[in-house]
Amino acid sequence: MTLLIILGLVFAGVALMVFFGERYGKPMDVEQQAKYSKWIRILVFALIFAALLKMMF
């Protein structure tokens, strides 16, 4: 029963994010997308590297 409650809350949270994202979200500029893309690549590399170090030690 607890699992169903958790799944229901997750579904409700995602539904709220989609609703408000579509209603109040604005499109990104190409420059802003490029800036975020650069940062995301760096962060993903750093997280993978940190996970590898954690598994080794």
PDB file of N, CA and C in Angstrom:
ATOM      1  N   MET A   1       0.822  -1.199   0.000  1.00  0.00           N
ATOM      2  CA  MET A   1       0.000   0.000   0.000  1.00  0.00           C
ATOM      3  C   MET A   1       0.863   1.259   0.000  1.00  0.00           C
ATOM      4  N   THR A   2       1.960   1.208   0.752  1.00  0.00           N
ATOM      5  CA  THR A   2       2.847   2.360   0.814  1.00  0.00           C
ATOM      6  C   THR A   2       3.447   2.656  -0.555  1.00  0.00           C
ATOM      7  N   LEU A   3       3.780   1.598  -1.283  1.00  0.00           N
ATOM      8  CA  LEU A   3       4.339   1.774  -2.619  1.00  0.00           C
ATOM      9  C   LEU A   3       3.366   2.492  -3.540  1.00  0.00           C
ATOM     10  N   LEU A   4       2.091   2.152  -3.455  1.00  0.00           N
ATOM     11  CA  LEU A   4       1.085   2.810  -4.290  1.00  0.00           C
ATOM     12  C   LEU A   4       0.947   4.288  -3.936  1.00  0.00           C
ATOM     13  N   ILE A   5       1.057   4.608  -2.669  1.00  0.00           N
ATOM     14  CA  ILE A   5       0.984   6.011  -2.246  1.00  0.00           C
ATOM     15  C   ILE A   5       2.178   6.784  -2.791  1.00  0.00           C
ATOM     16  N   ILE A   6       3.364   6.185  -2.688  1.00  0.00           N
ATOM     17  CA  ILE A   6       4.568   6.848  -3.202  1.00  0.00           C
ATOM     18  C   ILE A   6       4.468   7.044  -4.706  1.00  0.00           C
ATOM     19  N   LEU A   7       4.045   6.013  -5.428  1.00  0.00           N
ATOM     20  CA  LEU A   7       3.893   6.128  -6.883  1.00  0.00           C
ATOM     21  C   LEU A   7       2.848   7.178  -7.253  1.00  0.00           C
ATOM     22  N   GLY A   8       1.777   7.245  -6.499  1.00  0.00           N
ATOM     23  CA  GLY A   8       0.758   8.262  -6.748  1.00  0.00           C
ATOM     24  C   GLY A   8       1.293   9.671  -6.539  1.00  0.00           C
ATOM     25  N   LEU A   9       2.085   9.863  -5.490  1.00  0.00           N
ATOM     26  CA  LEU A   9       2.668  11.181  -5.227  1.00  0.00           C
ATOM     27  C   LEU A   9       3.685  11.565  -6.306  1.00  0.00           C
ATOM     28  N   VAL A  10       4.473  10.591  -6.758  1.00  0.00           N
ATOM     29  CA  VAL A  10       5.429  10.873  -7.831  1.00  0.00           C
ATOM     30  C   VAL A  10       4.686  11.251  -9.107  1.00  0.00           C
ATOM     31  N   PHE A  11       3.647  10.502  -9.438  1.00  0.00           N
ATOM     32  CA  PHE A  11       2.858  10.810 -10.627  1.00  0.00           C
ATOM     33  C   PHE A  11       2.227  12.197 -10.525  1.00  0.00           C
ATOM     34  N   ALA A  12       1.686  12.537  -9.371  1.00  0.00           N
ATOM     35  CA  ALA A  12       1.072  13.849  -9.187  1.00  0.00           C
ATOM     36  C   ALA A  12       2.120  14.958  -9.312  1.00  0.00           C
ATOM     37  N   GLY A  13       3.310  14.737  -8.766  1.00  0.00           N
ATOM     38  CA  GLY A  13       4.372  15.736  -8.878  1.00  0.00           C
ATOM     39  C   GLY A  13       4.804  15.954 -10.319  1.00  0.00           C
ATOM     40  N   VAL A  14       4.960  14.870 -11.062  1.00  0.00           N
ATOM     41  CA  VAL A  14       5.339  14.993 -12.475  1.00  0.00           C
ATOM     42  C   VAL A  14       4.236  15.685 -13.268  1.00  0.00           C
ATOM     43  N   ALA A  15       2.987  15.344 -12.983  1.00  0.00           N
ATOM     44  CA  ALA A  15       1.872  15.985 -13.677  1.00  0.00           C
ATOM     45  C   ALA A  15       1.850  17.488 -13.404  1.00  0.00           C
ATOM     46  N   LEU A  16       2.120  17.898 -12.171  1.00  0.00           N
ATOM     47  CA  LEU A  16       2.168  19.323 -11.843  1.00  0.00           C
ATOM     48  C   LEU A  16       3.322  20.017 -12.558  1.00  0.00           C
ATOM     49  N   MET A  17       4.490  19.350 -12.616  1.00  0.00           N
ATOM     50  CA  MET A  17       5.623  19.957 -13.313  1.00  0.00           C
ATOM     51  C   MET A  17       5.319  20.147 -14.795  1.00  0.00           C
ATOM     52  N   VAL A  18       4.695  19.161 -15.417  1.00  0.00           N
ATOM     53  CA  VAL A  18       4.352  19.277 -16.838  1.00  0.00           C
ATOM     54  C   VAL A  18       3.328  20.388 -17.043  1.00  0.00           C
ATOM     55  N   PHE A  19       2.311  20.439 -16.188  1.00  0.00           N
ATOM     56  CA  PHE A  19       1.265  21.454 -16.324  1.00  0.00           C
ATOM     57  C   PHE A  19       1.839  22.863 -16.210  1.00  0.00           C
ATOM     58  N   PHE A  20       2.612  23.108 -15.155  1.00  0.00           N
ATOM     59  CA  PHE A  20       3.158  24.451 -14.965  1.00  0.00           C
ATOM     60  C   PHE A  20       4.265  24.767 -15.962  1.00  0.00           C
ATOM     61  N   GLY A  21       5.013  23.756 -16.391  1.00  0.00           N
ATOM     62  CA  GLY A  21       6.046  23.976 -17.394  1.00  0.00           C
ATOM     63  C   GLY A  21       5.468  24.387 -18.735  1.00  0.00           C
ATOM     64  N   GLU A  22       4.366  23.762 -19.128  1.00  0.00           N
ATOM     65  CA  GLU A  22       3.720  24.132 -20.386  1.00  0.00           C
ATOM     66  C   GLU A  22       3.022  25.483 -20.282  1.00  0.00           C
ATOM     67  N   ARG A  23       2.484  25.784 -19.128  1.00  0.00           N
ATOM     68  CA  ARG A  23       1.720  27.020 -18.979  1.00  0.00           C
ATOM     69  C   ARG A  23       2.608  28.250 -18.839  1.00  0.00           C
ATOM     70  N   TYR A  24       3.654  28.150 -18.022  1.00  0.00           N
ATOM     71  CA  TYR A  24       4.472  29.316 -17.719  1.00  0.00           C
ATOM     72  C   TYR A  24       5.874  29.262 -18.313  1.00  0.00           C
ATOM     73  N   GLY A  25       6.228  28.158 -18.951  1.00  0.00           N
ATOM     74  CA  GLY A  25       7.568  28.034 -19.517  1.00  0.00           C
ATOM     75  C   GLY A  25       7.733  28.899 -20.759  1.00  0.00           C
ATOM     76  N   LYS A  26       8.961  29.342 -20.998  1.00  0.00           N
ATOM     77  CA  LYS A  26       9.243  30.110 -22.200  1.00  0.00           C
ATOM     78  C   LYS A  26      10.361  29.412 -22.972  1.00  0.00           C
ATOM     79  N   PRO A  27      10.366  29.527 -24.285  1.00  0.00           N
ATOM     80  CA  PRO A  27      11.410  28.872 -25.071  1.00  0.00           C
ATOM     81  C   PRO A  27      12.781  29.486 -24.801  1.00  0.00           C
ATOM     82  N   MET A  28      13.819  28.660 -24.927  1.00  0.00           N
ATOM     83  CA  MET A  28      15.189  29.129 -24.700  1.00  0.00           C
ATOM     84  C   MET A  28      15.784  29.658 -25.990  1.00  0.00           C
ATOM     85  N   ASP A  29      16.663  30.636 -25.837  1.00  0.00           N
ATOM     86  CA  ASP A  29      17.426  31.132 -26.977  1.00  0.00           C
ATOM     87  C   ASP A  29      18.496  30.112 -27.348  1.00  0.00           C
ATOM     88  N   VAL A  30      19.011  30.215 -28.558  1.00  0.00           N
ATOM     89  CA  VAL A  30      20.062  29.316 -29.012  1.00  0.00           C
ATOM     90  C   VAL A  30      21.326  29.512 -28.174  1.00  0.00           C
ATOM     91  N   GLU A  31      21.645  30.759 -27.829  1.00  0.00           N
ATOM     92  CA  GLU A  31      22.838  31.030 -27.030  1.00  0.00           C
ATOM     93  C   GLU A  31      22.719  30.407 -25.637  1.00  0.00           C
ATOM     94  N   GLN A  32      21.533  30.507 -25.051  1.00  0.00           N
ATOM     95  CA  GLN A  32      21.316  29.952 -23.717  1.00  0.00           C
ATOM     96  C   GLN A  32      21.403  28.428 -23.757  1.00  0.00           C
ATOM     97  N   GLN A  33      20.871  27.813 -24.814  1.00  0.00           N
ATOM     98  CA  GLN A  33      20.971  26.359 -24.954  1.00  0.00           C
ATOM     99  C   GLN A  33      22.423  25.924 -25.077  1.00  0.00           C
ATOM    100  N   ALA A  34      23.219  26.664 -25.842  1.00  0.00           N
ATOM    101  CA  ALA A  34      24.632  26.316 -26.011  1.00  0.00           C
ATOM    102  C   ALA A  34      25.375  26.433 -24.679  1.00  0.00           C
ATOM    103  N   LYS A  35      25.046  27.478 -23.906  1.00  0.00           N
ATOM    104  CA  LYS A  35      25.701  27.676 -22.609  1.00  0.00           C
ATOM    105  C   LYS A  35      25.373  26.514 -21.663  1.00  0.00           C
ATOM    106  N   TYR A  36      24.098  26.141 -21.568  1.00  0.00           N
ATOM    107  CA  TYR A  36      23.706  25.039 -20.702  1.00  0.00           C
ATOM    108  C   TYR A  36      24.285  23.715 -21.189  1.00  0.00           C
ATOM    109  N   SER A  37      24.352  23.524 -22.492  1.00  0.00           N
ATOM    110  CA  SER A  37      24.902  22.295 -23.045  1.00  0.00           C
ATOM    111  C   SER A  37      26.363  22.126 -22.649  1.00  0.00           C
ATOM    112  N   LYS A  38      27.123  23.215 -22.678  1.00  0.00           N
ATOM    113  CA  LYS A  38      28.526  23.156 -22.293  1.00  0.00           C
ATOM    114  C   LYS A  38      28.663  22.768 -20.822  1.00  0.00           C
ATOM    115  N   TRP A  39      27.874  23.385 -19.958  1.00  0.00           N
ATOM    116  CA  TRP A  39      27.949  23.096 -18.528  1.00  0.00           C
ATOM    117  C   TRP A  39      27.499  21.672 -18.219  1.00  0.00           C
ATOM    118  N   ILE A  40      26.478  21.195 -18.912  1.00  0.00           N
ATOM    119  CA  ILE A  40      25.970  19.851 -18.646  1.00  0.00           C
ATOM    120  C   ILE A  40      27.015  18.809 -19.019  1.00  0.00           C
ATOM    121  N   ARG A  41      27.719  19.002 -20.128  1.00  0.00           N
ATOM    122  CA  ARG A  41      28.775  18.060 -20.515  1.00  0.00           C
ATOM    123  C   ARG A  41      29.853  17.994 -19.441  1.00  0.00           C
ATOM    124  N   ILE A  42      30.268  19.147 -18.938  1.00  0.00           N
ATOM    125  CA  ILE A  42      31.301  19.182 -17.906  1.00  0.00           C
ATOM    126  C   ILE A  42      30.809  18.495 -16.631  1.00  0.00           C
ATOM    127  N   LEU A  43      29.581  18.788 -16.225  1.00  0.00           N
ATOM    128  CA  LEU A  43      29.048  18.190 -14.997  1.00  0.00           C
ATOM    129  C   LEU A  43      28.869  16.684 -15.114  1.00  0.00           C
ATOM    130  N   VAL A  44      28.406  16.206 -16.265  1.00  0.00           N
ATOM    131  CA  VAL A  44      28.244  14.760 -16.456  1.00  0.00           C
ATOM    132  C   VAL A  44      29.601  14.069 -16.387  1.00  0.00           C
ATOM    133  N   PHE A  45      30.610  14.650 -17.033  1.00  0.00           N
ATOM    134  CA  PHE A  45      31.948  14.065 -16.962  1.00  0.00           C
ATOM    135  C   PHE A  45      32.444  14.031 -15.524  1.00  0.00           C
ATOM    136  N   ALA A  46      32.253  15.111 -14.781  1.00  0.00           N
ATOM    137  CA  ALA A  46      32.714  15.167 -13.390  1.00  0.00           C
ATOM    138  C   ALA A  46      31.974  14.135 -12.530  1.00  0.00           C
ATOM    139  N   LEU A  47      30.684  13.958 -12.737  1.00  0.00           N
ATOM    140  CA  LEU A  47      29.923  12.992 -11.951  1.00  0.00           C
ATOM    141  C   LEU A  47      30.343  11.555 -12.270  1.00  0.00           C
ATOM    142  N   ILE A  48      30.588  11.269 -13.537  1.00  0.00           N
ATOM    143  CA  ILE A  48      31.050   9.925 -13.904  1.00  0.00           C
ATOM    144  C   ILE A  48      32.422   9.660 -13.282  1.00  0.00           C
ATOM    145  N   PHE A  49      33.298  10.645 -13.356  1.00  0.00           N
ATOM    146  CA  PHE A  49      34.628  10.505 -12.772  1.00  0.00           C
ATOM    147  C   PHE A  49      34.540  10.301 -11.258  1.00  0.00           C
ATOM    148  N   ALA A  50      33.679  11.054 -10.593  1.00  0.00           N
ATOM    149  CA  ALA A  50      33.508  10.907  -9.144  1.00  0.00           C
ATOM    150  C   ALA A  50      32.946   9.529  -8.790  1.00  0.00           C
ATOM    151  N   ALA A  51      32.013   9.034  -9.587  1.00  0.00           N
ATOM    152  CA  ALA A  51      31.460   7.702  -9.337  1.00  0.00           C
ATOM    153  C   ALA A  51      32.519   6.623  -9.525  1.00  0.00           C
ATOM    154  N   LEU A  52      33.367   6.779 -10.529  1.00  0.00           N
ATOM    155  CA  LEU A  52      34.455   5.813 -10.728  1.00  0.00           C
ATOM    156  C   LEU A  52      35.425   5.831  -9.552  1.00  0.00           C
ATOM    157  N   LEU A  53      35.767   7.012  -9.087  1.00  0.00           N
ATOM    158  CA  LEU A  53      36.659   7.113  -7.929  1.00  0.00           C
ATOM    159  C   LEU A  53      36.017   6.494  -6.681  1.00  0.00           C
ATOM    160  N   LYS A  54      34.737   6.709  -6.504  1.00  0.00           N
ATOM    161  CA  LYS A  54      34.039   6.148  -5.343  1.00  0.00           C
ATOM    162  C   LYS A  54      34.034   4.623  -5.397  1.00  0.00           C
ATOM    163  N   MET A  55      33.863   4.060  -6.602  1.00  0.00           N
ATOM    164  CA  MET A  55      33.856   2.603  -6.724  1.00  0.00           C
ATOM    165  C   MET A  55      35.248   2.023  -6.503  1.00  0.00           C
ATOM    166  N   MET A  56      36.289   2.764  -6.872  1.00  0.00           N
ATOM    167  CA  MET A  56      37.655   2.249  -6.721  1.00  0.00           C
ATOM    168  C   MET A  56      38.109   2.261  -5.259  1.00  0.00           C
ATOM    169  N   PHE A  57      37.649   3.234  -4.494  1.00  0.00           N
ATOM    170  CA  PHE A  57      38.125   3.373  -3.110  1.00  0.00           C
ATOM    171  C   PHE A  57      37.055   3.093  -2.136  1.00  0.00           C
TER     172      PHE A  57
END
